[in-house]
Amino acid sequence: MTTKELLYVEDALSHEQYFQTKCQETMNQIQDAELKSCVEQMAQKHQQIFQSFYGLL
C-alpha cells in the first residue's frame, strides 16, 4: 500500500469514527423510537464501514 493510499484509509477511519460517535450522541437525545432506531442503524452501518477499512490495514 502506498503512503497516499494509507493516508486515505486513515482519513476514512477517522471519518467513520466521527460519524459513529455523532450517531451515538444523537441517538441518546432522540425520544421518538422509530427515529432512534433509524439512527442506531446508521451507527451500526458506520461501524461496519469502519471495520471494512480497518481490515485493509
N, C-alpha and C. Protein backbone atom coordinates (compact mmCIF):
# COMPACT_ATOMS: atom_id res chain seq x y z
N MET A 1 0.85 -1.17 0.00
CA MET A 1 0.00 0.00 0.00
C MET A 1 0.91 1.24 0.00
N THR A 2 0.59 2.18 -0.87
CA THR A 2 1.40 3.39 -0.94
C THR A 2 1.09 4.31 0.24
N THR A 3 1.95 5.28 0.43
CA THR A 3 1.75 6.25 1.52
C THR A 3 0.45 7.01 1.31
N LYS A 4 0.18 7.39 0.09
CA LYS A 4 -1.06 8.12 -0.22
C LYS A 4 -2.29 7.27 0.08
N GLU A 5 -2.25 6.01 -0.29
CA GLU A 5 -3.37 5.11 -0.02
C GLU A 5 -3.56 4.92 1.49
N LEU A 6 -2.47 4.78 2.21
CA LEU A 6 -2.53 4.63 3.65
C LEU A 6 -3.15 5.87 4.30
N LEU A 7 -2.77 7.04 3.83
CA LEU A 7 -3.35 8.28 4.36
C LEU A 7 -4.85 8.34 4.07
N TYR A 8 -5.25 7.87 2.90
CA TYR A 8 -6.68 7.83 2.57
C TYR A 8 -7.43 6.92 3.53
N VAL A 9 -6.90 5.75 3.79
CA VAL A 9 -7.56 4.81 4.70
C VAL A 9 -7.62 5.39 6.11
N GLU A 10 -6.55 6.04 6.55
CA GLU A 10 -6.55 6.67 7.88
C GLU A 10 -7.62 7.75 7.97
N ASP A 11 -7.74 8.56 6.92
CA ASP A 11 -8.79 9.59 6.89
C ASP A 11 -10.18 8.95 6.93
N ALA A 12 -10.36 7.91 6.16
CA ALA A 12 -11.65 7.22 6.12
C ALA A 12 -11.99 6.65 7.49
N LEU A 13 -11.02 6.06 8.16
CA LEU A 13 -11.24 5.52 9.51
C LEU A 13 -11.66 6.64 10.46
N SER A 14 -10.98 7.75 10.38
CA SER A 14 -11.29 8.89 11.23
C SER A 14 -12.69 9.40 10.99
N HIS A 15 -13.08 9.51 9.72
CA HIS A 15 -14.42 9.98 9.39
C HIS A 15 -15.49 9.01 9.89
N GLU A 16 -15.26 7.75 9.71
CA GLU A 16 -16.25 6.76 10.16
C GLU A 16 -16.40 6.76 11.68
N GLN A 17 -15.30 6.93 12.39
CA GLN A 17 -15.38 7.03 13.85
C GLN A 17 -16.18 8.26 14.25
N TYR A 18 -15.93 9.36 13.57
CA TYR A 18 -16.65 10.61 13.86
C TYR A 18 -18.16 10.42 13.62
N PHE A 19 -18.51 9.84 12.46
CA PHE A 19 -19.92 9.63 12.15
C PHE A 19 -20.59 8.71 13.17
N GLN A 20 -19.89 7.67 13.56
CA GLN A 20 -20.45 6.75 14.54
C GLN A 20 -20.67 7.45 15.88
N THR A 21 -19.70 8.25 16.30
CA THR A 21 -19.82 8.98 17.56
C THR A 21 -20.99 9.95 17.51
N LYS A 22 -21.14 10.66 16.42
CA LYS A 22 -22.24 11.61 16.28
C LYS A 22 -23.59 10.90 16.27
N CYS A 23 -23.65 9.74 15.62
CA CYS A 23 -24.89 8.96 15.63
C CYS A 23 -25.24 8.53 17.06
N GLN A 24 -24.24 8.08 17.80
CA GLN A 24 -24.48 7.65 19.19
C GLN A 24 -24.96 8.83 20.04
N GLU A 25 -24.31 9.98 19.90
CA GLU A 25 -24.72 11.16 20.65
C GLU A 25 -26.15 11.57 20.31
N THR A 26 -26.46 11.55 19.02
CA THR A 26 -27.81 11.92 18.58
C THR A 26 -28.83 10.92 19.07
N MET A 27 -28.49 9.65 18.99
CA MET A 27 -29.40 8.60 19.42
C MET A 27 -29.78 8.77 20.89
N ASN A 28 -28.84 9.20 21.71
CA ASN A 28 -29.10 9.39 23.14
C ASN A 28 -30.03 10.57 23.41
N GLN A 29 -30.20 11.45 22.44
CA GLN A 29 -31.04 12.63 22.63
C GLN A 29 -32.43 12.48 22.02
N ILE A 30 -32.63 11.45 21.21
CA ILE A 30 -33.90 11.28 20.49
C ILE A 30 -34.91 10.54 21.37
N GLN A 31 -36.12 11.05 21.36
CA GLN A 31 -37.20 10.42 22.12
C GLN A 31 -38.04 9.48 21.26
N ASP A 32 -38.22 9.82 20.00
CA ASP A 32 -39.03 9.02 19.09
C ASP A 32 -38.35 7.67 18.81
N ALA A 33 -39.05 6.59 19.11
CA ALA A 33 -38.47 5.24 19.00
C ALA A 33 -38.11 4.88 17.56
N GLU A 34 -38.95 5.25 16.61
CA GLU A 34 -38.70 4.91 15.21
C GLU A 34 -37.47 5.67 14.69
N LEU A 35 -37.38 6.93 15.00
CA LEU A 35 -36.24 7.73 14.57
C LEU A 35 -34.97 7.27 15.26
N LYS A 36 -35.09 6.92 16.54
CA LYS A 36 -33.94 6.42 17.29
C LYS A 36 -33.41 5.13 16.67
N SER A 37 -34.31 4.27 16.25
CA SER A 37 -33.93 3.02 15.60
C SER A 37 -33.20 3.28 14.29
N CYS A 38 -33.67 4.25 13.54
CA CYS A 38 -33.04 4.61 12.27
C CYS A 38 -31.61 5.10 12.50
N VAL A 39 -31.42 5.95 13.49
CA VAL A 39 -30.08 6.48 13.80
C VAL A 39 -29.19 5.36 14.32
N GLU A 40 -29.76 4.43 15.07
CA GLU A 40 -28.99 3.29 15.57
C GLU A 40 -28.49 2.44 14.40
N GLN A 41 -29.33 2.25 13.40
CA GLN A 41 -28.93 1.50 12.20
C GLN A 41 -27.81 2.22 11.45
N MET A 42 -27.87 3.54 11.41
CA MET A 42 -26.80 4.31 10.76
C MET A 42 -25.50 4.14 11.54
N ALA A 43 -25.57 4.16 12.86
CA ALA A 43 -24.36 3.97 13.68
C ALA A 43 -23.76 2.59 13.43
N GLN A 44 -24.60 1.58 13.33
CA GLN A 44 -24.12 0.23 13.06
C GLN A 44 -23.49 0.15 11.68
N LYS A 45 -24.08 0.83 10.70
CA LYS A 45 -23.53 0.83 9.34
C LYS A 45 -22.16 1.48 9.31
N HIS A 46 -22.01 2.59 10.04
CA HIS A 46 -20.70 3.25 10.10
C HIS A 46 -19.67 2.37 10.80
N GLN A 47 -20.11 1.58 11.78
CA GLN A 47 -19.20 0.65 12.44
C GLN A 47 -18.74 -0.43 11.46
N GLN A 48 -19.67 -0.92 10.64
CA GLN A 48 -19.32 -1.92 9.64
C GLN A 48 -18.33 -1.35 8.61
N ILE A 49 -18.58 -0.12 8.19
CA ILE A 49 -17.68 0.52 7.22
C ILE A 49 -16.31 0.70 7.85
N PHE A 50 -16.27 1.12 9.12
CA PHE A 50 -15.01 1.27 9.84
C PHE A 50 -14.24 -0.05 9.85
N GLN A 51 -14.94 -1.13 10.17
CA GLN A 51 -14.30 -2.44 10.22
C GLN A 51 -13.76 -2.85 8.85
N SER A 52 -14.49 -2.50 7.80
CA SER A 52 -14.04 -2.82 6.44
C SER A 52 -12.74 -2.08 6.11
N PHE A 53 -12.72 -0.79 6.43
CA PHE A 53 -11.49 -0.02 6.19
C PHE A 53 -10.35 -0.53 7.06
N TYR A 54 -10.66 -0.83 8.32
CA TYR A 54 -9.63 -1.32 9.24
C TYR A 54 -9.04 -2.64 8.73
N GLY A 55 -9.89 -3.44 8.12
CA GLY A 55 -9.45 -4.71 7.56
C GLY A 55 -8.43 -4.54 6.44
N LEU A 56 -8.42 -3.38 5.80
CA LEU A 56 -7.46 -3.14 4.75
C LEU A 56 -6.03 -3.00 5.30
N LEU A 57 -5.95 -2.64 6.56
CA LEU A 57 -4.64 -2.47 7.17
C LEU A 57 -4.13 -3.82 7.59
